Amino acid sequence: MREFPLPLALTARLSPVVVLAAVGWALTSSPATPADQHNEAQQKSTSTPSAPSTAAAATKSYSASPAPCGSVATATLKSLVPGAKTAGKEIRSTDEKLRRTCSWNALKGYEYRWLDVSFEVLDSDAAAQKEYKERTAEKSGGGAVPGLGDAGYSVVNLTTEDKQQTREGVVIAQVSNVLVVATYNGSDFETKKAPGTDEINKGAIKAAKDAVTALKGSR
């Protein structure tokens, strides 16, 4: 067999080494493969702490309604609804945790009076504020009640049916995520006249203030 000259034989023996070395250099200097990028991303994800979430959960100041029949002071009840049982009567609700109402009514002589107080628990302060604005917009013609919860509103209306007048006052108050609503009305079945606007308005506001105080005391 013919022998190659030494330089050529040495070159032939060394060429695989050179090729392997070149391939190794190419692998180390070539762009990262998808697998390499995936591994690098995993390393970064494990070494870099995740950023805290900026979305804060809405807090509820009140999670349930207080007992409505104990929300109005006895003295207030006796002055607004003479002859009524001060214990009141709670009106059943589909969800008593979120909405509760108590009612007092009595006929003393020919004078009839009716008082309702309700608590409505919403998901957040913003939801209660939105509902408050919608309801007060529906009951136009009233005015603000300063110092009553976060916001307070009062309106009085007169209705006549079969010549019998009834005057009704409605007070709506927002207290954090709760709406407090007091409804007070009256009639005189002898004269067929209704009580004065001032009497009904002040009575509804007084009942609402008692209810707001009871709500705040329930926390």
Protein backbone atom coordinates (compact mmCIF):
# COMPACT_ATOMS: atom_id res chain seq x y z
CA MET A 1 0.00 0.00 0.00
CA ARG A 2 1.24 3.41 -0.90
CA GLU A 3 2.13 5.60 1.96
CA PHE A 4 1.23 9.28 2.08
CA PRO A 5 3.94 11.70 2.75
CA LEU A 6 4.15 12.57 6.42
CA PRO A 7 2.66 16.00 6.15
CA LEU A 8 -0.35 14.67 4.20
CA ALA A 9 -0.82 11.69 6.55
CA LEU A 10 -0.64 13.94 9.55
CA THR A 11 -3.15 16.23 7.91
CA ALA A 12 -5.53 13.34 7.30
CA ARG A 13 -5.29 12.20 10.92
CA LEU A 14 -5.78 15.66 12.31
CA SER A 15 -8.64 16.65 9.98
CA PRO A 16 -11.37 14.88 12.00
CA VAL A 17 -10.17 16.69 15.11
CA VAL A 18 -10.26 19.97 13.28
CA VAL A 19 -13.72 19.24 11.96
CA LEU A 20 -15.02 18.27 15.41
CA ALA A 21 -13.46 21.34 16.91
CA ALA A 22 -15.06 23.48 14.24
CA VAL A 23 -18.42 21.85 14.86
CA GLY A 24 -18.08 22.42 18.61
CA TRP A 25 -17.24 26.07 18.02
CA ALA A 26 -20.22 26.42 15.72
CA LEU A 27 -22.55 24.91 18.32
CA THR A 28 -21.33 27.15 21.08
CA SER A 29 -21.35 30.30 18.95
CA SER A 30 -24.61 29.71 17.04
CA PRO A 31 -27.91 31.35 18.08
CA ALA A 32 -29.83 29.65 20.95
CA THR A 33 -32.20 26.91 19.90
CA PRO A 34 -35.89 26.98 21.02
CA ALA A 35 -35.02 24.41 23.68
CA ASP A 36 -32.23 26.62 24.98
CA GLN A 37 -34.55 29.63 25.03
CA HIS A 38 -37.18 27.61 26.92
CA ASN A 39 -34.65 26.54 29.54
CA GLU A 40 -33.41 30.12 29.89
CA ALA A 41 -36.97 31.39 30.31
CA GLN A 42 -37.60 28.76 32.99
CA GLN A 43 -34.47 29.82 34.87
CA LYS A 44 -35.53 33.47 34.75
CA SER A 45 -39.03 32.66 35.90
CA THR A 46 -37.74 30.76 38.89
CA SER A 47 -35.14 33.33 39.84
CA THR A 48 -37.21 36.49 39.28
CA PRO A 49 -40.07 37.12 41.76
CA SER A 50 -43.43 37.80 40.16
CA ALA A 51 -44.83 41.31 40.39
CA PRO A 52 -47.63 41.75 42.93
CA SER A 53 -51.15 42.10 41.56
CA THR A 54 -52.38 45.67 41.34
CA ALA A 55 -56.06 44.74 41.42
CA ALA A 56 -57.26 45.12 45.00
CA ALA A 57 -60.38 43.29 46.05
CA ALA A 58 -63.27 45.54 47.03
CA THR A 59 -63.87 45.58 50.76
CA LYS A 60 -67.32 45.56 52.36
CA SER A 61 -67.76 47.63 55.49
CA TYR A 62 -71.01 45.77 56.23
CA SER A 63 -71.58 42.15 55.28
CA ALA A 64 -75.11 41.80 56.69
CA SER A 65 -78.11 43.86 57.66
CA PRO A 66 -78.84 44.61 61.32
CA ALA A 67 -82.18 43.66 62.85
CA PRO A 68 -84.52 46.34 61.44
CA CYS A 69 -87.20 46.11 64.13
CA GLY A 70 -84.67 47.23 66.75
CA SER A 71 -83.28 50.06 64.65
CA VAL A 72 -85.71 52.82 65.66
CA ALA A 73 -85.78 54.18 69.20
CA THR A 74 -88.92 53.51 71.24
CA ALA A 75 -89.47 57.23 71.84
CA THR A 76 -89.32 57.86 68.09
CA LEU A 77 -91.83 55.11 67.38
CA LYS A 78 -94.29 56.38 69.96
CA SER A 79 -94.19 59.89 68.52
CA LEU A 80 -94.39 58.88 64.85
CA VAL A 81 -96.83 55.94 65.07
CA PRO A 82 -99.01 56.43 68.15
CA GLY A 83 -100.65 53.21 69.29
CA ALA A 84 -98.34 50.91 67.30
CA LYS A 85 -96.57 47.97 68.91
CA THR A 86 -92.98 49.08 69.30
CA ALA A 87 -91.74 45.57 68.47
CA GLY A 88 -92.78 46.11 64.88
CA LYS A 89 -93.25 43.42 62.26
CA GLU A 90 -90.42 42.26 60.04
CA ILE A 91 -91.33 41.77 56.38
CA ARG A 92 -89.96 38.55 54.98
CA SER A 93 -87.19 38.83 52.38
CA THR A 94 -85.71 36.38 49.89
CA ASP A 95 -82.25 37.06 51.32
CA GLU A 96 -82.39 38.41 54.86
CA LYS A 97 -78.61 38.80 54.96
CA LEU A 98 -78.78 41.43 52.22
CA ARG A 99 -82.18 43.06 52.75
CA ARG A 100 -84.33 43.41 55.86
CA THR A 101 -87.38 45.58 56.50
CA CYS A 102 -89.51 46.32 59.55
CA SER A 103 -92.95 47.91 59.54
CA TRP A 104 -95.02 49.75 62.16
CA ASN A 105 -98.58 50.97 61.62
CA ALA A 106 -101.55 51.99 63.74
CA LEU A 107 -104.90 53.74 63.60
CA LYS A 108 -105.51 55.98 66.60
CA GLY A 109 -108.92 57.55 66.39
CA TYR A 110 -109.11 58.63 62.76
CA GLU A 111 -105.38 59.25 62.42
CA TYR A 112 -103.46 56.60 60.55
CA ARG A 113 -99.66 56.35 60.46
CA TRP A 114 -97.31 53.91 58.77
CA LEU A 115 -93.52 53.60 59.04
CA ASP A 116 -91.14 51.28 57.18
CA VAL A 117 -87.38 51.06 57.70
CA SER A 118 -85.17 48.89 55.52
CA PHE A 119 -81.49 48.04 55.14
CA GLU A 120 -80.05 46.95 51.81
CA VAL A 121 -76.49 45.58 51.74
CA LEU A 122 -74.65 45.94 48.42
CA ASP A 123 -71.33 44.52 47.22
CA SER A 124 -69.30 47.71 47.62
CA ASP A 125 -69.40 51.41 48.45
CA ALA A 126 -69.33 52.18 44.73
CA ALA A 127 -72.34 49.95 44.08
CA ALA A 128 -74.27 51.59 46.93
CA GLN A 129 -73.37 55.05 45.66
CA LYS A 130 -74.56 54.16 42.16
CA GLU A 131 -77.84 52.75 43.48
CA TYR A 132 -78.32 55.82 45.70
CA LYS A 133 -77.92 58.17 42.72
CA GLU A 134 -80.36 56.17 40.60
CA ARG A 135 -83.04 56.10 43.28
CA THR A 136 -82.79 59.75 44.18
CA ALA A 137 -82.98 60.63 40.49
CA GLU A 138 -86.23 58.65 40.23
CA LYS A 139 -87.72 60.50 43.22
CA SER A 140 -87.22 64.03 41.98
CA GLY A 141 -88.44 67.10 43.83
CA GLY A 142 -86.70 66.41 47.12
CA GLY A 143 -83.49 67.67 48.68
CA ALA A 144 -80.33 66.66 50.46
CA VAL A 145 -80.29 65.82 54.17
CA PRO A 146 -76.95 67.06 55.56
CA GLY A 147 -75.17 64.84 58.07
CA LEU A 148 -77.15 61.72 57.27
CA GLY A 149 -74.65 58.94 56.48
CA ASP A 150 -72.32 59.47 53.53
CA ALA A 151 -75.22 60.97 51.60
CA GLY A 152 -78.86 61.60 52.47
CA TYR A 153 -81.95 62.58 50.50
CA SER A 154 -85.56 63.33 51.43
CA VAL A 155 -88.70 63.76 49.36
CA VAL A 156 -92.40 64.16 50.26
CA ASN A 157 -95.37 63.53 47.96
CA LEU A 158 -99.13 63.90 48.28
CA THR A 159 -101.58 61.45 46.71
CA THR A 160 -105.38 61.49 46.62
CA GLU A 161 -107.63 58.47 46.11
CA ASP A 162 -111.43 58.63 46.45
CA LYS A 163 -110.99 62.11 47.93
CA GLN A 164 -108.76 60.69 50.69
CA GLN A 165 -105.34 62.36 50.93
CA THR A 166 -102.17 60.55 51.97
CA ARG A 167 -98.84 62.26 52.39
CA GLU A 168 -95.70 60.14 52.24
CA GLY A 169 -92.09 60.96 52.98
CA VAL A 170 -89.14 58.87 51.81
CA VAL A 171 -85.60 59.27 53.11
CA ILE A 172 -82.69 57.43 51.48
CA ALA A 173 -79.26 57.35 53.09
CA GLN A 174 -76.03 55.77 51.88
CA VAL A 175 -73.71 54.47 54.59
CA SER A 176 -70.65 52.81 53.00
CA ASN A 177 -72.05 49.80 51.11
CA VAL A 178 -75.53 49.95 52.68
CA LEU A 179 -78.67 51.87 51.73
CA VAL A 180 -80.99 52.84 54.57
CA VAL A 181 -84.54 53.71 53.50
CA ALA A 182 -87.23 55.15 55.77
CA THR A 183 -90.79 55.55 54.47
CA TYR A 184 -93.34 57.40 56.60
CA ASN A 185 -96.93 58.27 55.64
CA GLY A 186 -100.18 59.36 57.23
CA SER A 187 -103.86 60.10 56.64
CA ASP A 188 -106.84 61.48 58.56
CA PHE A 189 -109.93 59.41 57.78
CA GLU A 190 -112.30 61.93 59.35
CA THR A 191 -111.23 65.06 57.50
CA LYS A 192 -109.80 63.10 54.55
CA LYS A 193 -106.82 65.43 54.78
CA ALA A 194 -103.20 64.43 55.04
CA PRO A 195 -100.71 65.54 57.70
CA GLY A 196 -98.55 68.54 56.83
CA THR A 197 -95.41 68.21 54.71
CA ASP A 198 -93.17 69.35 57.54
CA GLU A 199 -94.53 66.74 59.96
CA ILE A 200 -94.06 63.86 57.53
CA ASN A 201 -90.65 65.02 56.33
CA LYS A 202 -89.24 65.47 59.83
CA GLY A 203 -90.69 62.15 60.96
CA ALA A 204 -89.09 60.25 58.08
CA ILE A 205 -85.74 61.94 58.69
CA LYS A 206 -85.87 61.15 62.42
CA ALA A 207 -86.55 57.47 61.73
CA ALA A 208 -83.73 57.36 59.16
CA LYS A 209 -81.27 58.91 61.61
CA ASP A 210 -82.16 56.29 64.23
CA ALA A 211 -81.65 53.53 61.64
CA VAL A 212 -78.27 54.91 60.53
CA THR A 213 -77.14 55.03 64.16
CA ALA A 214 -78.24 51.40 64.64
CA LEU A 215 -76.38 50.34 61.49
CA LYS A 216 -73.14 51.96 62.59
CA GLY A 217 -73.49 50.36 66.02
CA SER A 218 -73.82 46.90 64.44
CA ARG A 219 -70.22 46.80 63.17
